[in-house]
């Protein structure tokens, strides 16, 4: 399952009240996005920068992505956003929000776990 499919699955569990919807619309308009269905990659990058500058919480970013998907933001723009790495720690925004539950705008200070696999040698 790719990022968009996982976001779509998560979106099916979400609904937003009028106040939350207005906040999302205000953030988009402040970024220069008048119509989510016509959002460009450049506007998506500006949206990410705005969220970072305003220290948006991971939960807010996650829900804004869901809202944007529900309102028709082009899938290639959402995919671009979800594959971004604003804090340059080697983890995509999607991985930080949906897998690691970390802040996509701050380098994760937790040490990375290294998984070692054991290989069995078989004699033939």
Protein backbone atom coordinates (compact mmCIF):
# COMPACT_ATOMS: atom_id res chain seq x y z
CA UNK A 1 0.00 0.00 0.00
CA UNK A 2 1.48 3.38 -0.98
CA UNK A 3 1.38 6.67 0.96
CA UNK A 4 -1.76 7.95 -0.75
CA UNK A 5 -3.64 4.72 -0.12
CA UNK A 6 -2.65 4.79 3.55
CA UNK A 7 -3.65 8.45 3.85
CA UNK A 8 -6.98 7.66 2.18
CA UNK A 9 -7.57 4.83 4.62
CA UNK A 10 -6.79 7.16 7.55
CA UNK A 11 -9.04 9.88 6.02
CA UNK A 12 -12.04 7.57 6.06
CA UNK A 13 -11.89 7.63 9.86
CA UNK A 14 -11.79 11.45 10.10
CA UNK A 15 -14.43 14.16 10.09
CA UNK A 16 -13.95 17.83 10.87
CA UNK A 17 -16.27 20.34 12.49
CA UNK A 18 -16.90 23.78 10.99
CA UNK A 19 -14.36 25.50 13.23
CA UNK A 20 -11.57 23.08 12.25
CA UNK A 21 -12.50 23.33 8.59
CA UNK A 22 -12.28 27.13 8.80
CA UNK A 23 -8.82 26.90 10.40
CA UNK A 24 -7.59 24.63 7.59
CA UNK A 25 -9.05 26.96 4.95
CA UNK A 26 -7.41 29.98 6.61
CA UNK A 27 -4.01 28.27 6.65
CA UNK A 28 -4.34 27.39 2.97
CA UNK A 29 -5.43 30.92 2.03
CA UNK A 30 -2.58 32.44 4.06
CA UNK A 31 -0.24 30.27 1.99
CA UNK A 32 -1.78 31.46 -1.28
CA UNK A 33 -3.92 28.41 -1.96
CA UNK A 34 -7.37 29.62 -2.98
CA UNK A 35 -8.57 26.31 -4.40
CA UNK A 36 -7.15 23.05 -3.05
CA UNK A 37 -8.06 21.21 -6.26
CA UNK A 38 -5.71 23.51 -8.18
CA UNK A 39 -2.76 23.37 -5.77
CA UNK A 40 0.68 23.23 -7.38
CA UNK A 41 3.82 21.58 -6.04
CA UNK A 42 5.26 25.04 -5.35
CA UNK A 43 2.19 25.93 -3.27
CA UNK A 44 2.55 22.61 -1.45
CA UNK A 45 6.15 23.54 -0.59
CA UNK A 46 4.99 26.96 0.67
CA UNK A 47 2.33 25.25 2.78
CA UNK A 48 5.00 23.06 4.39
CA UNK A 49 7.20 26.08 5.09
CA UNK A 50 4.27 27.91 6.65
CA UNK A 51 3.45 24.93 8.86
CA UNK A 52 7.09 24.67 9.94
CA UNK A 53 7.42 28.40 10.67
CA UNK A 54 4.25 28.32 12.76
CA UNK A 55 5.40 25.19 14.60
CA UNK A 56 2.33 23.20 13.60
CA UNK A 57 1.89 20.04 15.61
CA UNK A 58 2.27 16.68 13.89
CA UNK A 59 -1.43 16.01 14.52
CA UNK A 60 -2.39 19.29 12.85
CA UNK A 61 -0.23 18.51 9.81
CA UNK A 62 -1.68 15.01 9.57
CA UNK A 63 -5.25 16.32 9.71
CA UNK A 64 -4.53 19.13 7.25
CA UNK A 65 -3.28 16.50 4.79
CA UNK A 66 -6.49 14.52 5.29
CA UNK A 67 -8.58 17.64 4.78
CA UNK A 68 -6.59 18.53 1.65
CA UNK A 69 -7.14 15.04 0.25
CA UNK A 70 -10.86 15.22 1.00
CA UNK A 71 -11.10 18.63 -0.72
CA UNK A 72 -9.39 17.42 -3.89
CA UNK A 73 -5.76 18.50 -3.63
CA UNK A 74 -4.03 16.79 -6.58
CA UNK A 75 -2.60 13.43 -5.58
CA UNK A 76 0.82 14.23 -7.03
CA UNK A 77 1.01 17.30 -4.76
CA UNK A 78 0.00 15.28 -1.70
CA UNK A 79 2.54 12.62 -2.66
CA UNK A 80 5.21 15.33 -3.04
CA UNK A 81 4.38 16.71 0.42
CA UNK A 82 4.34 13.27 2.01
CA UNK A 83 7.74 12.42 0.49
CA UNK A 84 9.32 15.67 1.68
CA UNK A 85 11.91 15.81 4.45
CA UNK A 86 11.70 19.31 5.95
CA UNK A 87 14.05 18.55 8.85
CA UNK A 88 16.52 16.68 6.62
CA UNK A 89 16.82 13.71 8.95
CA UNK A 90 16.37 11.13 6.21
CA UNK A 91 12.75 10.36 7.11
CA UNK A 92 9.86 11.44 4.94
CA UNK A 93 6.98 13.45 6.32
CA UNK A 94 4.78 10.39 5.85
CA UNK A 95 7.15 8.17 7.82
CA UNK A 96 7.41 10.67 10.65
CA UNK A 97 3.65 11.28 10.90
CA UNK A 98 2.22 7.85 10.22
CA UNK A 99 4.95 5.38 11.20
CA UNK A 100 7.32 6.91 13.76
CA UNK A 101 4.90 9.44 15.31
CA UNK A 102 7.61 12.10 15.38
CA UNK A 103 7.66 15.78 14.44
CA UNK A 104 8.39 16.16 10.70
CA UNK A 105 9.89 19.62 11.29
CA UNK A 106 12.44 18.66 13.96
CA UNK A 107 15.26 16.18 13.69
CA UNK A 108 14.33 13.13 15.68
CA UNK A 109 16.57 13.08 18.74
CA UNK A 110 15.85 9.46 19.56
CA UNK A 111 18.61 7.12 18.49
CA UNK A 112 17.76 5.13 15.43
CA UNK A 113 17.24 1.45 15.98
CA UNK A 114 19.37 -0.76 13.87
CA UNK A 115 17.79 -4.06 13.12
CA UNK A 116 20.20 -6.91 12.62
CA UNK A 117 19.00 -10.00 10.95
CA UNK A 118 20.54 -13.33 11.53
CA UNK A 119 21.23 -15.49 8.56
CA UNK A 120 21.28 -19.22 8.85
CA UNK A 121 23.81 -21.03 6.79
CA UNK A 122 22.52 -24.23 5.37
CA UNK A 123 24.74 -27.00 4.27
CA UNK A 124 23.63 -28.84 1.22
